[in-house]
mmCIF file of all heavy atoms, coordinates in Angstrom:
data_MODEL
# 
_entry.id   MODEL 
# 
loop_
_atom_site.group_PDB 
_atom_site.id 
_atom_site.type_symbol 
_atom_site.label_atom_id 
_atom_site.label_alt_id 
_atom_site.label_comp_id 
_atom_site.label_asym_id 
_atom_site.label_entity_id 
_atom_site.label_seq_id 
_atom_site.pdbx_PDB_ins_code 
_atom_site.Cartn_x 
_atom_site.Cartn_y 
_atom_site.Cartn_z 
_atom_site.occupancy 
_atom_site.B_iso_or_equiv 
_atom_site.pdbx_formal_charge 
_atom_site.auth_seq_id 
_atom_site.auth_comp_id 
_atom_site.auth_asym_id 
_atom_site.auth_atom_id 
_atom_site.pdbx_PDB_model_num 
ATOM 1   N N   . ALA A 1 1  ? -8.375  69.417 -28.508 1.00 0.00 ? 1  ALA A N   1 
ATOM 2   C CA  . ALA A 1 1  ? -7.774  69.833 -29.781 1.00 0.00 ? 1  ALA A CA  1 
ATOM 3   C C   . ALA A 1 1  ? -7.850  68.741 -30.820 1.00 0.00 ? 1  ALA A C   1 
ATOM 4   O O   . ALA A 1 1  ? -7.611  67.563 -30.533 1.00 0.00 ? 1  ALA A O   1 
ATOM 5   C CB  . ALA A 1 1  ? -6.325  70.266 -29.528 1.00 0.00 ? 1  ALA A CB  1 
ATOM 6   N N   . ARG A 1 2  ? -8.116  69.185 -32.098 1.00 0.00 ? 2  ARG A N   1 
ATOM 7   C CA  . ARG A 1 2  ? -8.150  68.246 -33.216 1.00 0.00 ? 2  ARG A CA  1 
ATOM 8   C C   . ARG A 1 2  ? -6.734  67.840 -33.518 1.00 0.00 ? 2  ARG A C   1 
ATOM 9   O O   . ARG A 1 2  ? -6.550  66.625 -33.775 1.00 0.00 ? 2  ARG A O   1 
ATOM 10  C CB  . ARG A 1 2  ? -8.864  68.913 -34.383 1.00 0.00 ? 2  ARG A CB  1 
ATOM 11  C CG  . ARG A 1 2  ? -8.842  68.093 -35.629 1.00 0.00 ? 2  ARG A CG  1 
ATOM 12  C CD  . ARG A 1 2  ? -9.677  66.826 -35.491 1.00 0.00 ? 2  ARG A CD  1 
ATOM 13  N NE  . ARG A 1 2  ? -11.103 67.186 -35.368 1.00 0.00 ? 2  ARG A NE  1 
ATOM 14  C CZ  . ARG A 1 2  ? -12.034 66.255 -35.229 1.00 0.00 ? 2  ARG A CZ  1 
ATOM 15  N NH1 . ARG A 1 2  ? -11.731 64.977 -35.194 1.00 0.00 ? 2  ARG A NH1 1 
ATOM 16  N NH2 . ARG A 1 2  ? -13.268 66.548 -35.040 1.00 0.00 ? 2  ARG A NH2 1 
ATOM 17  N N   . GLU A 1 3  ? -5.822  68.728 -33.547 1.00 0.00 ? 3  GLU A N   1 
ATOM 18  C CA  . GLU A 1 3  ? -4.414  68.398 -33.751 1.00 0.00 ? 3  GLU A CA  1 
ATOM 19  C C   . GLU A 1 3  ? -3.527  69.482 -33.122 1.00 0.00 ? 3  GLU A C   1 
ATOM 20  O O   . GLU A 1 3  ? -3.989  70.606 -32.868 1.00 0.00 ? 3  GLU A O   1 
ATOM 21  C CB  . GLU A 1 3  ? -4.039  68.293 -35.258 1.00 0.00 ? 3  GLU A CB  1 
ATOM 22  C CG  . GLU A 1 3  ? -4.369  69.489 -36.095 1.00 0.00 ? 3  GLU A CG  1 
ATOM 23  C CD  . GLU A 1 3  ? -4.046  69.254 -37.563 1.00 0.00 ? 3  GLU A CD  1 
ATOM 24  O OE1 . GLU A 1 3  ? -3.638  68.133 -37.930 1.00 0.00 ? 3  GLU A OE1 1 
ATOM 25  O OE2 . GLU A 1 3  ? -4.175  70.206 -38.335 1.00 0.00 ? 3  GLU A OE2 1 
ATOM 26  N N   . VAL A 1 4  ? -2.298  69.110 -32.843 1.00 0.00 ? 4  VAL A N   1 
ATOM 27  C CA  . VAL A 1 4  ? -1.371  70.001 -32.158 1.00 0.00 ? 4  VAL A CA  1 
ATOM 28  C C   . VAL A 1 4  ? -0.118  70.141 -32.992 1.00 0.00 ? 4  VAL A C   1 
ATOM 29  O O   . VAL A 1 4  ? 0.506   69.138 -33.414 1.00 0.00 ? 4  VAL A O   1 
ATOM 30  C CB  . VAL A 1 4  ? -0.988  69.515 -30.751 1.00 0.00 ? 4  VAL A CB  1 
ATOM 31  C CG1 . VAL A 1 4  ? -0.056  70.471 -30.050 1.00 0.00 ? 4  VAL A CG1 1 
ATOM 32  C CG2 . VAL A 1 4  ? -2.273  69.289 -29.902 1.00 0.00 ? 4  VAL A CG2 1 
ATOM 33  N N   . TYR A 1 5  ? 0.248   71.351 -33.262 1.00 0.00 ? 5  TYR A N   1 
ATOM 34  C CA  . TYR A 1 5  ? 1.496   71.688 -34.029 1.00 0.00 ? 5  TYR A CA  1 
ATOM 35  C C   . TYR A 1 5  ? 2.626   71.893 -32.990 1.00 0.00 ? 5  TYR A C   1 
ATOM 36  O O   . TYR A 1 5  ? 2.608   72.804 -32.227 1.00 0.00 ? 5  TYR A O   1 
ATOM 37  C CB  . TYR A 1 5  ? 1.345   72.935 -34.882 1.00 0.00 ? 5  TYR A CB  1 
ATOM 38  C CG  . TYR A 1 5  ? 0.078   72.919 -35.766 1.00 0.00 ? 5  TYR A CG  1 
ATOM 39  C CD1 . TYR A 1 5  ? -0.715  73.980 -35.827 1.00 0.00 ? 5  TYR A CD1 1 
ATOM 40  C CD2 . TYR A 1 5  ? -0.267  71.731 -36.466 1.00 0.00 ? 5  TYR A CD2 1 
ATOM 41  C CE1 . TYR A 1 5  ? -1.876  73.959 -36.653 1.00 0.00 ? 5  TYR A CE1 1 
ATOM 42  C CE2 . TYR A 1 5  ? -1.430  71.730 -37.267 1.00 0.00 ? 5  TYR A CE2 1 
ATOM 43  C CZ  . TYR A 1 5  ? -2.219  72.847 -37.339 1.00 0.00 ? 5  TYR A CZ  1 
ATOM 44  O OH  . TYR A 1 5  ? -3.341  72.793 -38.136 1.00 0.00 ? 5  TYR A OH  1 
ATOM 45  N N   . THR A 1 6  ? 3.590   71.036 -33.048 1.00 0.00 ? 6  THR A N   1 
ATOM 46  C CA  . THR A 1 6  ? 4.675   71.087 -32.076 1.00 0.00 ? 6  THR A CA  1 
ATOM 47  C C   . THR A 1 6  ? 5.817   71.999 -32.623 1.00 0.00 ? 6  THR A C   1 
ATOM 48  O O   . THR A 1 6  ? 5.861   72.320 -33.847 1.00 0.00 ? 6  THR A O   1 
ATOM 49  C CB  . THR A 1 6  ? 5.289   69.693 -31.902 1.00 0.00 ? 6  THR A CB  1 
ATOM 50  O OG1 . THR A 1 6  ? 6.034   69.329 -32.996 1.00 0.00 ? 6  THR A OG1 1 
ATOM 51  C CG2 . THR A 1 6  ? 4.197   68.691 -31.641 1.00 0.00 ? 6  THR A CG2 1 
ATOM 52  N N   . PRO A 1 7  ? 6.673   72.469 -31.776 1.00 0.00 ? 7  PRO A N   1 
ATOM 53  C CA  . PRO A 1 7  ? 7.815   73.285 -32.217 1.00 0.00 ? 7  PRO A CA  1 
ATOM 54  C C   . PRO A 1 7  ? 9.035   72.460 -32.631 1.00 0.00 ? 7  PRO A C   1 
ATOM 55  O O   . PRO A 1 7  ? 10.172  72.921 -32.555 1.00 0.00 ? 7  PRO A O   1 
ATOM 56  C CB  . PRO A 1 7  ? 8.120   74.094 -30.946 1.00 0.00 ? 7  PRO A CB  1 
ATOM 57  C CG  . PRO A 1 7  ? 7.810   73.218 -29.820 1.00 0.00 ? 7  PRO A CG  1 
ATOM 58  C CD  . PRO A 1 7  ? 6.623   72.394 -30.295 1.00 0.00 ? 7  PRO A CD  1 
ATOM 59  N N   . VAL A 1 8  ? 8.771   71.250 -33.137 1.00 0.00 ? 8  VAL A N   1 
ATOM 60  C CA  . VAL A 1 8  ? 9.835   70.399 -33.638 1.00 0.00 ? 8  VAL A CA  1 
ATOM 61  C C   . VAL A 1 8  ? 9.734   70.290 -35.107 1.00 0.00 ? 8  VAL A C   1 
ATOM 62  O O   . VAL A 1 8  ? 8.801   69.801 -35.669 1.00 0.00 ? 8  VAL A O   1 
ATOM 63  C CB  . VAL A 1 8  ? 9.713   68.974 -33.036 1.00 0.00 ? 8  VAL A CB  1 
ATOM 64  C CG1 . VAL A 1 8  ? 10.849  68.114 -33.454 1.00 0.00 ? 8  VAL A CG1 1 
ATOM 65  C CG2 . VAL A 1 8  ? 9.680   69.027 -31.477 1.00 0.00 ? 8  VAL A CG2 1 
ATOM 66  N N   . PHE A 1 9  ? 10.707  70.902 -35.773 1.00 0.00 ? 9  PHE A N   1 
ATOM 67  C CA  . PHE A 1 9  ? 10.649  70.987 -37.243 1.00 0.00 ? 9  PHE A CA  1 
ATOM 68  C C   . PHE A 1 9  ? 10.633  69.563 -37.881 1.00 0.00 ? 9  PHE A C   1 
ATOM 69  O O   . PHE A 1 9  ? 11.414  68.700 -37.452 1.00 0.00 ? 9  PHE A O   1 
ATOM 70  C CB  . PHE A 1 9  ? 11.893  71.674 -37.721 1.00 0.00 ? 9  PHE A CB  1 
ATOM 71  C CG  . PHE A 1 9  ? 11.928  73.140 -37.345 1.00 0.00 ? 9  PHE A CG  1 
ATOM 72  C CD1 . PHE A 1 9  ? 12.937  73.597 -36.502 1.00 0.00 ? 9  PHE A CD1 1 
ATOM 73  C CD2 . PHE A 1 9  ? 10.982  74.069 -37.773 1.00 0.00 ? 9  PHE A CD2 1 
ATOM 74  C CE1 . PHE A 1 9  ? 12.964  74.948 -36.090 1.00 0.00 ? 9  PHE A CE1 1 
ATOM 75  C CE2 . PHE A 1 9  ? 10.980  75.360 -37.330 1.00 0.00 ? 9  PHE A CE2 1 
ATOM 76  C CZ  . PHE A 1 9  ? 11.980  75.788 -36.510 1.00 0.00 ? 9  PHE A CZ  1 
ATOM 77  N N   . GLY A 1 10 ? 9.709   69.340 -38.822 1.00 0.00 ? 10 GLY A N   1 
ATOM 78  C CA  . GLY A 1 10 ? 9.685   68.076 -39.527 1.00 0.00 ? 10 GLY A CA  1 
ATOM 79  C C   . GLY A 1 10 ? 8.810   67.049 -38.818 1.00 0.00 ? 10 GLY A C   1 
ATOM 80  O O   . GLY A 1 10 ? 8.553   66.008 -39.352 1.00 0.00 ? 10 GLY A O   1 
ATOM 81  N N   . PHE A 1 11 ? 8.242   67.404 -37.639 1.00 0.00 ? 11 PHE A N   1 
ATOM 82  C CA  . PHE A 1 11 ? 7.401   66.433 -36.882 1.00 0.00 ? 11 PHE A CA  1 
ATOM 83  C C   . PHE A 1 11 ? 5.965   66.697 -37.295 1.00 0.00 ? 11 PHE A C   1 
ATOM 84  O O   . PHE A 1 11 ? 5.452   67.876 -37.297 1.00 0.00 ? 11 PHE A O   1 
ATOM 85  C CB  . PHE A 1 11 ? 7.561   66.643 -35.395 1.00 0.00 ? 11 PHE A CB  1 
ATOM 86  C CG  . PHE A 1 11 ? 7.550   65.369 -34.601 1.00 0.00 ? 11 PHE A CG  1 
ATOM 87  C CD1 . PHE A 1 11 ? 8.773   64.671 -34.397 1.00 0.00 ? 11 PHE A CD1 1 
ATOM 88  C CD2 . PHE A 1 11 ? 6.392   64.802 -34.133 1.00 0.00 ? 11 PHE A CD2 1 
ATOM 89  C CE1 . PHE A 1 11 ? 8.740   63.452 -33.713 1.00 0.00 ? 11 PHE A CE1 1 
ATOM 90  C CE2 . PHE A 1 11 ? 6.439   63.662 -33.468 1.00 0.00 ? 11 PHE A CE2 1 
ATOM 91  C CZ  . PHE A 1 11 ? 7.651   62.929 -33.193 1.00 0.00 ? 11 PHE A CZ  1 
ATOM 92  N N   . GLN A 1 12 ? 5.245   65.642 -37.615 1.00 0.00 ? 12 GLN A N   1 
ATOM 93  C CA  . GLN A 1 12 ? 3.849   65.759 -37.988 1.00 0.00 ? 12 GLN A CA  1 
ATOM 94  C C   . GLN A 1 12 ? 2.968   66.246 -36.844 1.00 0.00 ? 12 GLN A C   1 
ATOM 95  O O   . GLN A 1 12 ? 3.229   65.927 -35.683 1.00 0.00 ? 12 GLN A O   1 
ATOM 96  C CB  . GLN A 1 12 ? 3.374   64.417 -38.553 1.00 0.00 ? 12 GLN A CB  1 
ATOM 97  C CG  . GLN A 1 12 ? 4.035   63.992 -39.829 1.00 0.00 ? 12 GLN A CG  1 
ATOM 98  C CD  . GLN A 1 12 ? 3.756   65.012 -40.973 1.00 0.00 ? 12 GLN A CD  1 
ATOM 99  O OE1 . GLN A 1 12 ? 2.621   65.383 -41.201 1.00 0.00 ? 12 GLN A OE1 1 
ATOM 100 N NE2 . GLN A 1 12 ? 4.853   65.409 -41.627 1.00 0.00 ? 12 GLN A NE2 1 
ATOM 101 N N   . PRO A 1 13 ? 1.855   66.908 -37.190 1.00 0.00 ? 13 PRO A N   1 
ATOM 102 C CA  . PRO A 1 13 ? 1.003   67.333 -36.120 1.00 0.00 ? 13 PRO A CA  1 
ATOM 103 C C   . PRO A 1 13 ? 0.450   66.106 -35.269 1.00 0.00 ? 13 PRO A C   1 
ATOM 104 O O   . PRO A 1 13 ? 0.249   65.029 -35.795 1.00 0.00 ? 13 PRO A O   1 
ATOM 105 C CB  . PRO A 1 13 ? -0.206  67.973 -36.853 1.00 0.00 ? 13 PRO A CB  1 
ATOM 106 C CG  . PRO A 1 13 ? 0.435   68.492 -38.105 1.00 0.00 ? 13 PRO A CG  1 
ATOM 107 C CD  . PRO A 1 13 ? 1.469   67.480 -38.441 1.00 0.00 ? 13 PRO A CD  1 
ATOM 108 N N   . LEU A 1 14 ? 0.333   66.320 -33.936 1.00 0.00 ? 14 LEU A N   1 
ATOM 109 C CA  . LEU A 1 14 ? -0.071  65.260 -33.065 1.00 0.00 ? 14 LEU A CA  1 
ATOM 110 C C   . LEU A 1 14 ? -1.548  65.228 -32.958 1.00 0.00 ? 14 LEU A C   1 
ATOM 111 O O   . LEU A 1 14 ? -2.280  66.277 -32.877 1.00 0.00 ? 14 LEU A O   1 
ATOM 112 C CB  . LEU A 1 14 ? 0.564   65.419 -31.726 1.00 0.00 ? 14 LEU A CB  1 
ATOM 113 C CG  . LEU A 1 14 ? 2.076   65.681 -31.647 1.00 0.00 ? 14 LEU A CG  1 
ATOM 114 C CD1 . LEU A 1 14 ? 2.522   65.852 -30.182 1.00 0.00 ? 14 LEU A CD1 1 
ATOM 115 C CD2 . LEU A 1 14 ? 2.758   64.442 -32.239 1.00 0.00 ? 14 LEU A CD2 1 
ATOM 116 N N   . LYS A 1 15 ? -2.151  63.994 -32.805 1.00 0.00 ? 15 LYS A N   1 
ATOM 117 C CA  . LYS A 1 15 ? -3.600  63.866 -32.735 1.00 0.00 ? 15 LYS A CA  1 
ATOM 118 C C   . LYS A 1 15 ? -4.037  63.123 -31.503 1.00 0.00 ? 15 LYS A C   1 
ATOM 119 O O   . LYS A 1 15 ? -5.257  63.094 -31.206 1.00 0.00 ? 15 LYS A O   1 
ATOM 120 C CB  . LYS A 1 15 ? -4.104  63.113 -33.950 1.00 0.00 ? 15 LYS A CB  1 
ATOM 121 C CG  . LYS A 1 15 ? -3.827  63.868 -35.271 1.00 0.00 ? 15 LYS A CG  1 
ATOM 122 C CD  . LYS A 1 15 ? -4.422  63.135 -36.477 1.00 0.00 ? 15 LYS A CD  1 
ATOM 123 C CE  . LYS A 1 15 ? -4.087  63.847 -37.779 1.00 0.00 ? 15 LYS A CE  1 
ATOM 124 N NZ  . LYS A 1 15 ? -4.638  65.252 -37.867 1.00 0.00 ? 15 LYS A NZ  1 
ATOM 125 N N   . ASN A 1 16 ? -3.088  62.557 -30.668 1.00 0.00 ? 16 ASN A N   1 
ATOM 126 C CA  . ASN A 1 16 ? -3.554  61.923 -29.448 1.00 0.00 ? 16 ASN A CA  1 
ATOM 127 C C   . ASN A 1 16 ? -2.371  61.858 -28.453 1.00 0.00 ? 16 ASN A C   1 
ATOM 128 O O   . ASN A 1 16 ? -1.258  62.240 -28.750 1.00 0.00 ? 16 ASN A O   1 
ATOM 129 C CB  . ASN A 1 16 ? -4.018  60.471 -29.776 1.00 0.00 ? 16 ASN A CB  1 
ATOM 130 C CG  . ASN A 1 16 ? -3.011  59.633 -30.443 1.00 0.00 ? 16 ASN A CG  1 
ATOM 131 O OD1 . ASN A 1 16 ? -1.901  59.380 -29.940 1.00 0.00 ? 16 ASN A OD1 1 
ATOM 132 N ND2 . ASN A 1 16 ? -3.325  59.180 -31.702 1.00 0.00 ? 16 ASN A ND2 1 
ATOM 133 N N   . MET A 1 17 ? -2.728  61.448 -27.271 1.00 0.00 ? 17 MET A N   1 
ATOM 134 C CA  . MET A 1 17 ? -1.730  61.430 -26.169 1.00 0.00 ? 17 MET A CA  1 
ATOM 135 C C   . MET A 1 17 ? -0.592  60.536 -26.458 1.00 0.00 ? 17 MET A C   1 
ATOM 136 O O   . MET A 1 17 ? 0.590   60.864 -26.091 1.00 0.00 ? 17 MET A O   1 
ATOM 137 C CB  . MET A 1 17 ? -2.409  61.044 -24.865 1.00 0.00 ? 17 MET A CB  1 
ATOM 138 C CG  . MET A 1 17 ? -3.530  62.046 -24.374 1.00 0.00 ? 17 MET A CG  1 
ATOM 139 S SD  . MET A 1 17 ? -2.683  63.546 -23.656 1.00 0.00 ? 17 MET A SD  1 
ATOM 140 C CE  . MET A 1 17 ? -4.142  64.299 -22.855 1.00 0.00 ? 17 MET A CE  1 
ATOM 141 N N   . ASP A 1 18 ? -0.800  59.380 -26.994 1.00 0.00 ? 18 ASP A N   1 
ATOM 142 C CA  . ASP A 1 18 ? 0.248   58.423 -27.248 1.00 0.00 ? 18 ASP A CA  1 
ATOM 143 C C   . ASP A 1 18 ? 1.271   59.034 -28.202 1.00 0.00 ? 18 ASP A C   1 
ATOM 144 O O   . ASP A 1 18 ? 2.475   58.827 -28.024 1.00 0.00 ? 18 ASP A O   1 
ATOM 145 C CB  . ASP A 1 18 ? -0.308  57.158 -27.904 1.00 0.00 ? 18 ASP A CB  1 
ATOM 146 C CG  . ASP A 1 18 ? -1.145  56.306 -26.898 1.00 0.00 ? 18 ASP A CG  1 
ATOM 147 O OD1 . ASP A 1 18 ? -0.886  56.579 -25.662 1.00 0.00 ? 18 ASP A OD1 1 
ATOM 148 O OD2 . ASP A 1 18 ? -1.936  55.539 -27.317 1.00 0.00 ? 18 ASP A OD2 1 
ATOM 149 N N   . GLU A 1 19 ? 0.836   59.769 -29.209 1.00 0.00 ? 19 GLU A N   1 
ATOM 150 C CA  . GLU A 1 19 ? 1.836   60.437 -30.113 1.00 0.00 ? 19 GLU A CA  1 
ATOM 151 C C   . GLU A 1 19 ? 2.622   61.482 -29.433 1.00 0.00 ? 19 GLU A C   1 
ATOM 152 O O   . GLU A 1 19 ? 3.814   61.609 -29.699 1.00 0.00 ? 19 GLU A O   1 
ATOM 153 C CB  . GLU A 1 19 ? 1.011   61.047 -31.315 1.00 0.00 ? 19 GLU A CB  1 
ATOM 154 C CG  . GLU A 1 19 ? 0.411   60.040 -32.218 1.00 0.00 ? 19 GLU A CG  1 
ATOM 155 C CD  . GLU A 1 19 ? -0.349  60.680 -33.384 1.00 0.00 ? 19 GLU A CD  1 
ATOM 156 O OE1 . GLU A 1 19 ? -0.530  61.925 -33.368 1.00 0.00 ? 19 GLU A OE1 1 
ATOM 157 O OE2 . GLU A 1 19 ? -0.811  59.983 -34.310 1.00 0.00 ? 19 GLU A OE2 1 
ATOM 158 N N   . ALA A 1 20 ? 1.954   62.229 -28.524 1.00 0.00 ? 20 ALA A N   1 
ATOM 159 C CA  . ALA A 1 20 ? 2.696   63.250 -27.745 1.00 0.00 ? 20 ALA A CA  1 
ATOM 160 C C   . ALA A 1 20 ? 3.790   62.643 -26.895 1.00 0.00 ? 20 ALA A C   1 
ATOM 161 O O   . ALA A 1 20 ? 4.938   63.147 -26.886 1.00 0.00 ? 20 ALA A O   1 
ATOM 162 C CB  . ALA A 1 20 ? 1.686   64.007 -26.822 1.00 0.00 ? 20 ALA A CB  1 
ATOM 163 N N   . ARG A 1 21 ? 3.489   61.503 -26.231 1.00 0.00 ? 21 ARG A N   1 
ATOM 164 C CA  . ARG A 1 21 ? 4.474   60.906 -25.355 1.00 0.00 ? 21 ARG A CA  1 
ATOM 165 C C   . ARG A 1 21 ? 5.569   60.233 -26.154 1.00 0.00 ? 21 ARG A C   1 
ATOM 166 O O   . ARG A 1 21 ? 6.724   60.140 -25.766 1.00 0.00 ? 21 ARG A O   1 
ATOM 167 C CB  . ARG A 1 21 ? 3.780   59.919 -24.352 1.00 0.00 ? 21 ARG A CB  1 
ATOM 168 C CG  . ARG A 1 21 ? 2.891   60.686 -23.358 1.00 0.00 ? 21 ARG A CG  1 
ATOM 169 C CD  . ARG A 1 21 ? 1.823   59.831 -22.774 1.00 0.00 ? 21 ARG A CD  1 
ATOM 170 N NE  . ARG A 1 21 ? 0.938   60.653 -21.983 1.00 0.00 ? 21 ARG A NE  1 
ATOM 171 C CZ  . ARG A 1 21 ? -0.300  60.323 -21.594 1.00 0.00 ? 21 ARG A CZ  1 
ATOM 172 N NH1 . ARG A 1 21 ? -0.820  59.197 -21.985 1.00 0.00 ? 21 ARG A NH1 1 
ATOM 173 N NH2 . ARG A 1 21 ? -1.002  61.100 -20.870 1.00 0.00 ? 21 ARG A NH2 1 
ATOM 174 N N   . ALA A 1 22 ? 5.144   59.682 -27.317 1.00 0.00 ? 22 ALA A N   1 
ATOM 175 C CA  . ALA A 1 22 ? 6.152   59.043 -28.191 1.00 0.00 ? 22 ALA A CA  1 
ATOM 176 C C   . ALA A 1 22 ? 7.177   60.039 -28.716 1.00 0.00 ? 22 ALA A C   1 
ATOM 177 O O   . ALA A 1 22 ? 8.314   59.734 -28.884 1.00 0.00 ? 22 ALA A O   1 
ATOM 178 C CB  . ALA A 1 22 ? 5.465   58.338 -29.308 1.00 0.00 ? 22 ALA A CB  1 
ATOM 179 N N   . MET A 1 23 ? 6.721   61.250 -28.962 1.00 0.00 ? 23 MET A N   1 
ATOM 180 C CA  . MET A 1 23 ? 7.594   62.336 -29.464 1.00 0.00 ? 23 MET A CA  1 
ATOM 181 C C   . MET A 1 23 ? 8.657   62.625 -28.388 1.00 0.00 ? 23 MET A C   1 
ATOM 182 O O   . MET A 1 23 ? 9.812   62.794 -28.716 1.00 0.00 ? 23 MET A O   1 
ATOM 183 C CB  . MET A 1 23 ? 6.772   63.611 -29.750 1.00 0.00 ? 23 MET A CB  1 
ATOM 184 C CG  . MET A 1 23 ? 7.671   64.767 -30.287 1.00 0.00 ? 23 MET A CG  1 
ATOM 185 S SD  . MET A 1 23 ? 6.760   66.350 -30.471 1.00 0.00 ? 23 MET A SD  1 
ATOM 186 C CE  . MET A 1 23 ? 6.375   66.705 -28.800 1.00 0.00 ? 23 MET A CE  1 
ATOM 187 N N   . GLU A 1 24 ? 8.247   62.716 -27.156 1.00 0.00 ? 24 GLU A N   1 
ATOM 188 C CA  . GLU A 1 24 ? 9.271   62.950 -26.111 1.00 0.00 ? 24 GLU A CA  1 
ATOM 189 C C   . GLU A 1 24 ? 10.346  61.810 -25.987 1.00 0.00 ? 24 GLU A C   1 
ATOM 190 O O   . GLU A 1 24 ? 11.450  62.123 -25.674 1.00 0.00 ? 24 GLU A O   1 
ATOM 191 C CB  . GLU A 1 24 ? 8.594   63.090 -24.714 1.00 0.00 ? 24 GLU A CB  1 
ATOM 192 C CG  . GLU A 1 24 ? 9.540   63.566 -23.617 1.00 0.00 ? 24 GLU A CG  1 
ATOM 193 C CD  . GLU A 1 24 ? 8.843   63.653 -22.277 1.00 0.00 ? 24 GLU A CD  1 
ATOM 194 O OE1 . GLU A 1 24 ? 7.603   63.609 -22.228 1.00 0.00 ? 24 GLU A OE1 1 
ATOM 195 O OE2 . GLU A 1 24 ? 9.534   63.929 -21.291 1.00 0.00 ? 24 GLU A OE2 1 
ATOM 196 N N   . ARG A 1 25 ? 9.909   60.619 -26.280 1.00 0.00 ? 25 ARG A N   1 
ATOM 197 C CA  . ARG A 1 25 ? 10.862  59.477 -26.229 1.00 0.00 ? 25 ARG A CA  1 
ATOM 198 C C   . ARG A 1 25 ? 11.694  59.377 -27.469 1.00 0.00 ? 25 ARG A C   1 
ATOM 199 O O   . ARG A 1 25 ? 12.755  58.691 -27.457 1.00 0.00 ? 25 ARG A O   1 
ATOM 200 C CB  . ARG A 1 25 ? 10.061  58.223 -25.997 1.00 0.00 ? 25 ARG A CB  1 
ATOM 201 C CG  . ARG A 1 25 ? 9.418   58.039 -24.662 1.00 0.00 ? 25 ARG A CG  1 
ATOM 202 C CD  . ARG A 1 25 ? 8.862   56.686 -24.376 1.00 0.00 ? 25 ARG A CD  1 
ATOM 203 N NE  . ARG A 1 25 ? 7.951   56.234 -25.435 1.00 0.00 ? 25 ARG A NE  1 
ATOM 204 C CZ  . ARG A 1 25 ? 6.609   56.388 -25.403 1.00 0.00 ? 25 ARG A CZ  1 
ATOM 205 N NH1 . ARG A 1 25 ? 6.027   56.956 -24.325 1.00 0.00 ? 25 ARG A NH1 1 
ATOM 206 N NH2 . ARG A 1 25 ? 5.852   55.923 -26.421 1.00 0.00 ? 25 ARG A NH2 1 
ATOM 207 N N   . ALA A 1 26 ? 11.275  59.977 -28.549 1.00 0.00 ? 26 ALA A N   1 
ATOM 208 C CA  . ALA A 1 26 ? 11.981  59.847 -29.856 1.00 0.00 ? 26 ALA A CA  1 
ATOM 209 C C   . ALA A 1 26 ? 13.313  60.483 -29.779 1.00 0.00 ? 26 ALA A C   1 
ATOM 210 O O   . ALA A 1 26 ? 13.588  61.413 -29.112 1.00 0.00 ? 26 ALA A O   1 
ATOM 211 C CB  . ALA A 1 26 ? 11.098  60.416 -30.948 1.00 0.00 ? 26 ALA A CB  1 
ATOM 212 N N   . SER A 1 27 ? 14.230  59.851 -30.590 1.00 0.00 ? 27 SER A N   1 
ATOM 213 C CA  . SER A 1 27 ? 15.561  60.472 -30.750 1.00 0.00 ? 27 SER A CA  1 
ATOM 214 C C   . SER A 1 27 ? 15.452  61.637 -31.728 1.00 0.00 ? 27 SER A C   1 
ATOM 215 O O   . SER A 1 27 ? 15.415  61.412 -33.002 1.00 0.00 ? 27 SER A O   1 
ATOM 216 C CB  . SER A 1 27 ? 16.530  59.395 -31.296 1.00 0.00 ? 27 SER A CB  1 
ATOM 217 O OG  . SER A 1 27 ? 17.801  59.932 -31.433 1.00 0.00 ? 27 SER A OG  1 
ATOM 218 N N   . ILE A 1 28 ? 15.482  62.812 -31.172 1.00 0.00 ? 28 ILE A N   1 
ATOM 219 C CA  . ILE A 1 28 ? 15.351  64.055 -32.068 1.00 0.00 ? 28 ILE A CA  1 
ATOM 220 C C   . ILE A 1 28 ? 16.558  64.927 -31.835 1.00 0.00 ? 28 ILE A C   1 
ATOM 221 O O   . ILE A 1 28 ? 16.926  65.296 -30.678 1.00 0.00 ? 28 ILE A O   1 
ATOM 222 C CB  . ILE A 1 28 ? 14.069  64.812 -31.687 1.00 0.00 ? 28 ILE A CB  1 
ATOM 223 C CG1 . ILE A 1 28 ? 12.827  63.924 -31.952 1.00 0.00 ? 28 ILE A CG1 1 
ATOM 224 C CG2 . ILE A 1 28 ? 13.981  66.085 -32.445 1.00 0.00 ? 28 ILE A CG2 1 
ATOM 225 C CD1 . ILE A 1 28 ? 11.562  64.537 -31.472 1.00 0.00 ? 28 ILE A CD1 1 
ATOM 226 N N   . ASP A 1 29 ? 17.145  65.359 -32.933 1.00 0.00 ? 29 ASP A N   1 
ATOM 227 C CA  . ASP A 1 29 ? 18.242  66.284 -32.846 1.00 0.00 ? 29 ASP A CA  1 
ATOM 228 C C   . ASP A 1 29 ? 17.729  67.614 -32.254 1.00 0.00 ? 29 ASP A C   1 
ATOM 229 O O   . ASP A 1 29 ? 16.723  68.203 -32.751 1.00 0.00 ? 29 ASP A O   1 
ATOM 230 C CB  . ASP A 1 29 ? 18.817  66.639 -34.255 1.00 0.00 ? 29 ASP A CB  1 
ATOM 231 C CG  . ASP A 1 29 ? 20.147  67.335 -34.266 1.00 0.00 ? 29 ASP A CG  1 
ATOM 232 O OD1 . ASP A 1 29 ? 20.206  68.354 -33.472 1.00 0.00 ? 29 ASP A OD1 1 
ATOM 233 O OD2 . ASP A 1 29 ? 21.025  66.930 -34.965 1.00 0.00 ? 29 ASP A OD2 1 
# 
């Protein structure tokens, strides 16, 4: 995939694995 749209409002589309894993670790309401 070129980019992935997550179901997290306000989160930018992801472009690589590191960004995907960082999203899981991030403090998100």
